[in-house]
PDB file of N, CA and C in Angstrom:
ATOM      1  N   MET A   1     -29.441  19.547  57.507  1.00  0.00           N
ATOM      2  CA  MET A   1     -29.859  18.259  58.003  1.00  0.00           C
ATOM      3  C   MET A   1     -28.847  17.212  57.555  1.00  0.00           C
ATOM      4  N   ARG A   2     -28.307  16.479  58.468  1.00  0.00           N
ATOM      5  CA  ARG A   2     -27.311  15.465  58.138  1.00  0.00           C
ATOM      6  C   ARG A   2     -27.897  14.072  58.326  1.00  0.00           C
ATOM      7  N   ASN A   3     -27.486  13.171  57.482  1.00  0.00           N
ATOM      8  CA  ASN A   3     -27.880  11.783  57.609  1.00  0.00           C
ATOM      9  C   ASN A   3     -26.911  11.074  58.543  1.00  0.00           C
ATOM     10  N   SER A   4     -27.384  10.019  59.224  1.00  0.00           N
ATOM     11  CA  SER A   4     -26.480   9.252  60.066  1.00  0.00           C
ATOM     12  C   SER A   4     -25.473   8.492  59.202  1.00  0.00           C
ATOM     13  N   ASN A   5     -25.860   8.100  57.994  1.00  0.00           N
ATOM     14  CA  ASN A   5     -24.956   7.450  57.052  1.00  0.00           C
ATOM     15  C   ASN A   5     -24.806   8.380  55.859  1.00  0.00           C
ATOM     16  N   SER A   6     -23.645   9.001  55.703  1.00  0.00           N
ATOM     17  CA  SER A   6     -23.461  10.041  54.695  1.00  0.00           C
ATOM     18  C   SER A   6     -23.509   9.515  53.267  1.00  0.00           C
ATOM     19  N   ASN A   7     -23.490   8.189  53.054  1.00  0.00           N
ATOM     20  CA  ASN A   7     -23.529   7.630  51.708  1.00  0.00           C
ATOM     21  C   ASN A   7     -24.948   7.377  51.215  1.00  0.00           C
ATOM     22  N   ILE A   8     -25.955   7.532  52.068  1.00  0.00           N
ATOM     23  CA  ILE A   8     -27.333   7.253  51.677  1.00  0.00           C
ATOM     24  C   ILE A   8     -28.134   8.550  51.638  1.00  0.00           C
ATOM     25  N   ARG A   9     -28.751   8.821  50.474  1.00  0.00           N
ATOM     26  CA  ARG A   9     -29.614  10.000  50.321  1.00  0.00           C
ATOM     27  C   ARG A   9     -31.004   9.636  50.835  1.00  0.00           C
ATOM     28  N   PRO A  10     -31.665  10.531  51.559  1.00  0.00           N
ATOM     29  CA  PRO A  10     -33.007  10.219  52.039  1.00  0.00           C
ATOM     30  C   PRO A  10     -33.941   9.942  50.867  1.00  0.00           C
ATOM     31  N   LYS A  11     -34.922   9.084  51.084  1.00  0.00           N
ATOM     32  CA  LYS A  11     -35.865   8.750  50.030  1.00  0.00           C
ATOM     33  C   LYS A  11     -36.715   9.951  49.640  1.00  0.00           C
ATOM     34  N   LEU A  12     -37.138  10.728  50.609  1.00  0.00           N
ATOM     35  CA  LEU A  12     -37.958  11.899  50.337  1.00  0.00           C
ATOM     36  C   LEU A  12     -37.080  13.140  50.252  1.00  0.00           C
ATOM     37  N   PRO A  13     -37.412  14.063  49.350  1.00  0.00           N
ATOM     38  CA  PRO A  13     -36.621  15.294  49.275  1.00  0.00           C
ATOM     39  C   PRO A  13     -36.796  16.125  50.540  1.00  0.00           C
ATOM     40  N   THR A  14     -35.748  16.856  50.904  1.00  0.00           N
ATOM     41  CA  THR A  14     -35.837  17.741  52.063  1.00  0.00           C
ATOM     42  C   THR A  14     -36.591  19.021  51.713  1.00  0.00           C
ATOM     43  N   HIS A  15     -36.624  19.349  50.406  1.00  0.00           N
ATOM     44  CA  HIS A  15     -37.320  20.540  49.918  1.00  0.00           C
ATOM     45  C   HIS A  15     -38.124  20.177  48.674  1.00  0.00           C
ATOM     46  N   ILE A  16     -39.206  20.893  48.442  1.00  0.00           N
ATOM     47  CA  ILE A  16     -40.020  20.723  47.244  1.00  0.00           C
ATOM     48  C   ILE A  16     -39.821  21.958  46.364  1.00  0.00           C
ATOM     49  N   ALA A  17     -39.652  21.738  45.056  1.00  0.00           N
ATOM     50  CA  ALA A  17     -39.471  22.832  44.097  1.00  0.00           C
ATOM     51  C   ALA A  17     -40.810  23.128  43.424  1.00  0.00           C
ATOM     52  N   TYR A  18     -41.162  24.404  43.380  1.00  0.00           N
ATOM     53  CA  TYR A  18     -42.400  24.850  42.751  1.00  0.00           C
ATOM     54  C   TYR A  18     -42.098  25.934  41.722  1.00  0.00           C
ATOM     55  N   GLN A  19     -42.848  25.924  40.627  1.00  0.00           N
ATOM     56  CA  GLN A  19     -42.876  27.063  39.716  1.00  0.00           C
ATOM     57  C   GLN A  19     -43.996  27.956  40.237  1.00  0.00           C
ATOM     58  N   VAL A  20     -43.703  29.224  40.427  1.00  0.00           N
ATOM     59  CA  VAL A  20     -44.701  30.158  40.936  1.00  0.00           C
ATOM     60  C   VAL A  20     -44.937  31.233  39.879  1.00  0.00           C
ATOM     61  N   GLU A  21     -46.191  31.346  39.453  1.00  0.00           N
ATOM     62  CA  GLU A  21     -46.572  32.360  38.477  1.00  0.00           C
ATOM     63  C   GLU A  21     -47.513  33.353  39.141  1.00  0.00           C
ATOM     64  N   ASP A  22     -47.132  34.624  39.109  1.00  0.00           N
ATOM     65  CA  ASP A  22     -47.982  35.680  39.656  1.00  0.00           C
ATOM     66  C   ASP A  22     -49.078  36.010  38.653  1.00  0.00           C
ATOM     67  N   ARG A  23     -50.292  36.248  39.159  1.00  0.00           N
ATOM     68  CA  ARG A  23     -51.421  36.597  38.301  1.00  0.00           C
ATOM     69  C   ARG A  23     -52.045  37.878  38.828  1.00  0.00           C
ATOM     70  N   GLU A  24     -52.335  38.793  37.937  1.00  0.00           N
ATOM     71  CA  GLU A  24     -52.892  40.093  38.348  1.00  0.00           C
ATOM     72  C   GLU A  24     -54.225  39.913  39.061  1.00  0.00           C
ATOM     73  N   GLY A  25     -54.318  40.498  40.252  1.00  0.00           N
ATOM     74  CA  GLY A  25     -55.563  40.494  41.015  1.00  0.00           C
ATOM     75  C   GLY A  25     -55.970  39.139  41.557  1.00  0.00           C
ATOM     76  N   GLN A  26     -55.114  38.135  41.441  1.00  0.00           N
ATOM     77  CA  GLN A  26     -55.429  36.796  41.927  1.00  0.00           C
ATOM     78  C   GLN A  26     -54.245  36.246  42.709  1.00  0.00           C
ATOM     79  N   LYS A  27     -54.483  35.136  43.385  1.00  0.00           N
ATOM     80  CA  LYS A  27     -53.385  34.467  44.086  1.00  0.00           C
ATOM     81  C   LYS A  27     -52.408  33.907  43.063  1.00  0.00           C
ATOM     82  N   SER A  28     -51.154  33.781  43.471  1.00  0.00           N
ATOM     83  CA  SER A  28     -50.137  33.171  42.617  1.00  0.00           C
ATOM     84  C   SER A  28     -50.490  31.703  42.384  1.00  0.00           C
ATOM     85  N   PHE A  29     -50.077  31.179  41.243  1.00  0.00           N
ATOM     86  CA  PHE A  29     -50.338  29.793  40.879  1.00  0.00           C
ATOM     87  C   PHE A  29     -49.066  28.984  41.102  1.00  0.00           C
ATOM     88  N   TRP A  30     -49.122  27.968  41.980  1.00  0.00           N
ATOM     89  CA  TRP A  30     -47.956  27.162  42.335  1.00  0.00           C
ATOM     90  C   TRP A  30     -48.088  25.783  41.700  1.00  0.00           C
ATOM     91  N   THR A  31     -47.042  25.350  40.986  1.00  0.00           N
ATOM     92  CA  THR A  31     -47.001  24.031  40.369  1.00  0.00           C
ATOM     93  C   THR A  31     -45.762  23.305  40.866  1.00  0.00           C
ATOM     94  N   ARG A  32     -45.955  22.110  41.421  1.00  0.00           N
ATOM     95  CA  ARG A  32     -44.817  21.322  41.902  1.00  0.00           C
ATOM     96  C   ARG A  32     -44.042  20.798  40.695  1.00  0.00           C
ATOM     97  N   ILE A  33     -42.724  21.066  40.667  1.00  0.00           N
ATOM     98  CA  ILE A  33     -41.922  20.666  39.516  1.00  0.00           C
ATOM     99  C   ILE A  33     -40.713  19.807  39.888  1.00  0.00           C
ATOM    100  N   GLY A  34     -40.499  19.534  41.173  1.00  0.00           N
ATOM    101  CA  GLY A  34     -39.351  18.714  41.541  1.00  0.00           C
ATOM    102  C   GLY A  34     -39.069  18.729  43.024  1.00  0.00           C
ATOM    103  N   GLY A  35     -37.855  18.292  43.352  1.00  0.00           N
ATOM    104  CA  GLY A  35     -37.437  18.223  44.745  1.00  0.00           C
ATOM    105  C   GLY A  35     -35.951  18.496  44.884  1.00  0.00           C
ATOM    106  N   ALA A  36     -35.535  18.690  46.126  1.00  0.00           N
ATOM    107  CA  ALA A  36     -34.128  18.943  46.423  1.00  0.00           C
ATOM    108  C   ALA A  36     -33.753  18.166  47.673  1.00  0.00           C
ATOM    109  N   TRP A  37     -32.493  17.687  47.675  1.00  0.00           N
ATOM    110  CA  TRP A  37     -31.961  16.923  48.797  1.00  0.00           C
ATOM    111  C   TRP A  37     -30.755  17.648  49.347  1.00  0.00           C
ATOM    112  N   THR A  38     -30.664  17.737  50.673  1.00  0.00           N
ATOM    113  CA  THR A  38     -29.532  18.368  51.338  1.00  0.00           C
ATOM    114  C   THR A  38     -28.300  17.484  51.214  1.00  0.00           C
ATOM    115  N   HIS A  39     -27.150  18.082  50.921  1.00  0.00           N
ATOM    116  CA  HIS A  39     -25.893  17.339  50.859  1.00  0.00           C
ATOM    117  C   HIS A  39     -25.547  16.821  52.242  1.00  0.00           C
ATOM    118  N   SER A  40     -24.807  15.735  52.291  1.00  0.00           N
ATOM    119  CA  SER A  40     -24.471  15.114  53.574  1.00  0.00           C
ATOM    120  C   SER A  40     -23.664  16.031  54.480  1.00  0.00           C
ATOM    121  N   ASP A  41     -22.902  16.986  53.882  1.00  0.00           N
ATOM    122  CA  ASP A  41     -22.130  17.910  54.718  1.00  0.00           C
ATOM    123  C   ASP A  41     -22.947  19.137  55.121  1.00  0.00           C
ATOM    124  N   GLY A  42     -24.202  19.217  54.655  1.00  0.00           N
ATOM    125  CA  GLY A  42     -25.083  20.328  55.023  1.00  0.00           C
ATOM    126  C   GLY A  42     -24.786  21.630  54.312  1.00  0.00           C
ATOM    127  N   ASN A  43     -23.879  21.624  53.325  1.00  0.00           N
ATOM    128  CA  ASN A  43     -23.464  22.863  52.668  1.00  0.00           C
ATOM    129  C   ASN A  43     -24.014  23.052  51.266  1.00  0.00           C
ATOM    130  N   GLY A  44     -25.072  22.370  50.927  1.00  0.00           N
ATOM    131  CA  GLY A  44     -25.645  22.549  49.592  1.00  0.00           C
ATOM    132  C   GLY A  44     -26.840  21.646  49.370  1.00  0.00           C
ATOM    133  N   LEU A  45     -27.412  21.755  48.170  1.00  0.00           N
ATOM    134  CA  LEU A  45     -28.578  20.966  47.790  1.00  0.00           C
ATOM    135  C   LEU A  45     -28.362  20.381  46.404  1.00  0.00           C
ATOM    136  N   THR A  46     -28.946  19.210  46.164  1.00  0.00           N
ATOM    137  CA  THR A  46     -29.048  18.664  44.822  1.00  0.00           C
ATOM    138  C   THR A  46     -30.489  18.876  44.390  1.00  0.00           C
ATOM    139  N   LEU A  47     -30.673  19.540  43.249  1.00  0.00           N
ATOM    140  CA  LEU A  47     -32.005  19.875  42.745  1.00  0.00           C
ATOM    141  C   LEU A  47     -32.326  18.973  41.561  1.00  0.00           C
ATOM    142  N   GLN A  48     -33.480  18.306  41.612  1.00  0.00           N
ATOM    143  CA  GLN A  48     -33.930  17.455  40.520  1.00  0.00           C
ATOM    144  C   GLN A  48     -35.292  17.973  40.059  1.00  0.00           C
ATOM    145  N   LEU A  49     -35.351  18.428  38.798  1.00  0.00           N
ATOM    146  CA  LEU A  49     -36.580  18.991  38.257  1.00  0.00           C
ATOM    147  C   LEU A  49     -37.191  18.052  37.227  1.00  0.00           C
ATOM    148  N   ALA A  50     -38.523  17.937  37.251  1.00  0.00           N
ATOM    149  CA  ALA A  50     -39.253  17.163  36.254  1.00  0.00           C
ATOM    150  C   ALA A  50     -39.556  18.028  35.032  1.00  0.00           C
ATOM    151  N   SER A  51     -39.526  19.333  35.215  1.00  0.00           N
ATOM    152  CA  SER A  51     -39.740  20.271  34.105  1.00  0.00           C
ATOM    153  C   SER A  51     -39.000  21.566  34.414  1.00  0.00           C
ATOM    154  N   MET A  52     -38.730  22.338  33.353  1.00  0.00           N
ATOM    155  CA  MET A  52     -38.032  23.615  33.509  1.00  0.00           C
ATOM    156  C   MET A  52     -38.997  24.724  33.094  1.00  0.00           C
ATOM    157  N   PRO A  53     -39.376  25.586  34.030  1.00  0.00           N
ATOM    158  CA  PRO A  53     -40.321  26.645  33.708  1.00  0.00           C
ATOM    159  C   PRO A  53     -39.716  27.677  32.756  1.00  0.00           C
ATOM    160  N   LEU A  54     -40.556  28.188  31.871  1.00  0.00           N
ATOM    161  CA  LEU A  54     -40.146  29.244  30.952  1.00  0.00           C
ATOM    162  C   LEU A  54     -40.530  30.618  31.482  1.00  0.00           C
ATOM    163  N   SER A  55     -41.400  30.640  32.477  1.00  0.00           N
ATOM    164  CA  SER A  55     -41.821  31.910  33.073  1.00  0.00           C
ATOM    165  C   SER A  55     -42.004  31.703  34.571  1.00  0.00           C
ATOM    166  N   GLY A  56     -42.245  32.791  35.268  1.00  0.00           N
ATOM    167  CA  GLY A  56     -42.417  32.712  36.713  1.00  0.00           C
ATOM    168  C   GLY A  56     -41.076  32.555  37.410  1.00  0.00           C
ATOM    169  N   ARG A  57     -41.111  31.955  38.572  1.00  0.00           N
ATOM    170  CA  ARG A  57     -39.882  31.763  39.359  1.00  0.00           C
ATOM    171  C   ARG A  57     -39.924  30.374  39.975  1.00  0.00           C
ATOM    172  N   ILE A  58     -38.759  29.883  40.403  1.00  0.00           N
ATOM    173  CA  ILE A  58     -38.686  28.610  41.115  1.00  0.00           C
ATOM    174  C   ILE A  58     -38.510  28.927  42.595  1.00  0.00           C
ATOM    175  N   THR A  59     -39.362  28.328  43.411  1.00  0.00           N
ATOM    176  CA  THR A  59     -39.303  28.505  44.860  1.00  0.00           C
ATOM    177  C   THR A  59     -39.083  27.151  45.506  1.00  0.00           C
ATOM    178  N   LEU A  60     -38.138  27.079  46.442  1.00  0.00           N
ATOM    179  CA  LEU A  60     -37.902  25.863  47.217  1.00  0.00           C
ATOM    180  C   LEU A  60     -38.512  26.034  48.598  1.00  0.00           C
ATOM    181  N   ARG A  61     -39.293  25.045  49.007  1.00  0.00           N
ATOM    182  CA  ARG A  61     -39.912  25.061  50.333  1.00  0.00           C
ATOM    183  C   ARG A  61     -39.535  23.782  51.066  1.00  0.00           C
ATOM    184  N   VAL A  62     -39.361  23.862  52.375  1.00  0.00           N
ATOM    185  CA  VAL A  62     -39.046  22.691  53.183  1.00  0.00           C
ATOM    186  C   VAL A  62     -40.199  21.692  53.036  1.00  0.00           C
ATOM    187  N   ASN A  63     -39.847  20.430  52.819  1.00  0.00           N
ATOM    188  CA  ASN A  63     -40.844  19.368  52.677  1.00  0.00           C
ATOM    189  C   ASN A  63     -41.357  19.006  54.062  1.00  0.00           C
ATOM    190  N   GLN A  64     -42.615  19.335  54.319  1.00  0.00           N
ATOM    191  CA  GLN A  64     -43.237  19.052  55.614  1.00  0.00           C
ATOM    192  C   GLN A  64     -44.427  18.133  55.402  1.00  0.00           C
ATOM    193  N   PRO A  65     -44.675  17.247  56.351  1.00  0.00           N
ATOM    194  CA  PRO A  65     -45.842  16.354  56.221  1.00  0.00           C
ATOM    195  C   PRO A  65     -47.130  17.183  56.147  1.00  0.00           C
ATOM    196  N   LYS A  66     -48.073  16.696  55.340  1.00  0.00           N
ATOM    197  CA  LYS A  66     -49.357  17.383  55.226  1.00  0.00           C
ATOM    198  C   LYS A  66     -50.137  17.215  56.532  1.00  0.00           C
ATOM    199  N   LYS A  67     -50.799  18.295  56.944  1.00  0.00           N
ATOM    200  CA  LYS A  67     -51.614  18.254  58.163  1.00  0.00           C
ATOM    201  C   LYS A  67     -52.921  17.533  57.865  1.00  0.00           C
ATOM    202  N   LYS A  68     -53.281  16.633  58.751  1.00  0.00           N
ATOM    203  CA  LYS A  68     -54.543  15.905  58.588  1.00  0.00           C
ATOM    204  C   LYS A  68     -55.657  16.719  59.234  1.00  0.00           C
ATOM    205  N   SER A  69     -56.792  16.800  58.548  1.00  0.00           N
ATOM    206  CA  SER A  69     -57.928  17.582  59.079  1.00  0.00           C
ATOM    207  C   SER A  69     -58.816  16.740  59.951  1.00  0.00           C
TER     208      SER A  69
END
């Protein structure tokens, strides 16, 4: 995703970073820990984390608007 002005980073992250912990016999537990922004040339991401997980894995998901019910 490219910005029309390559010097301005979008206000909202293009991706959301989650810590994902697998639990036996249960659904995985997802905790939002940060965001990522696509570089203006489209060839990378800048990742900003509010915390660093000691276990589990980090998963990046595209930031999509929440569906209204």
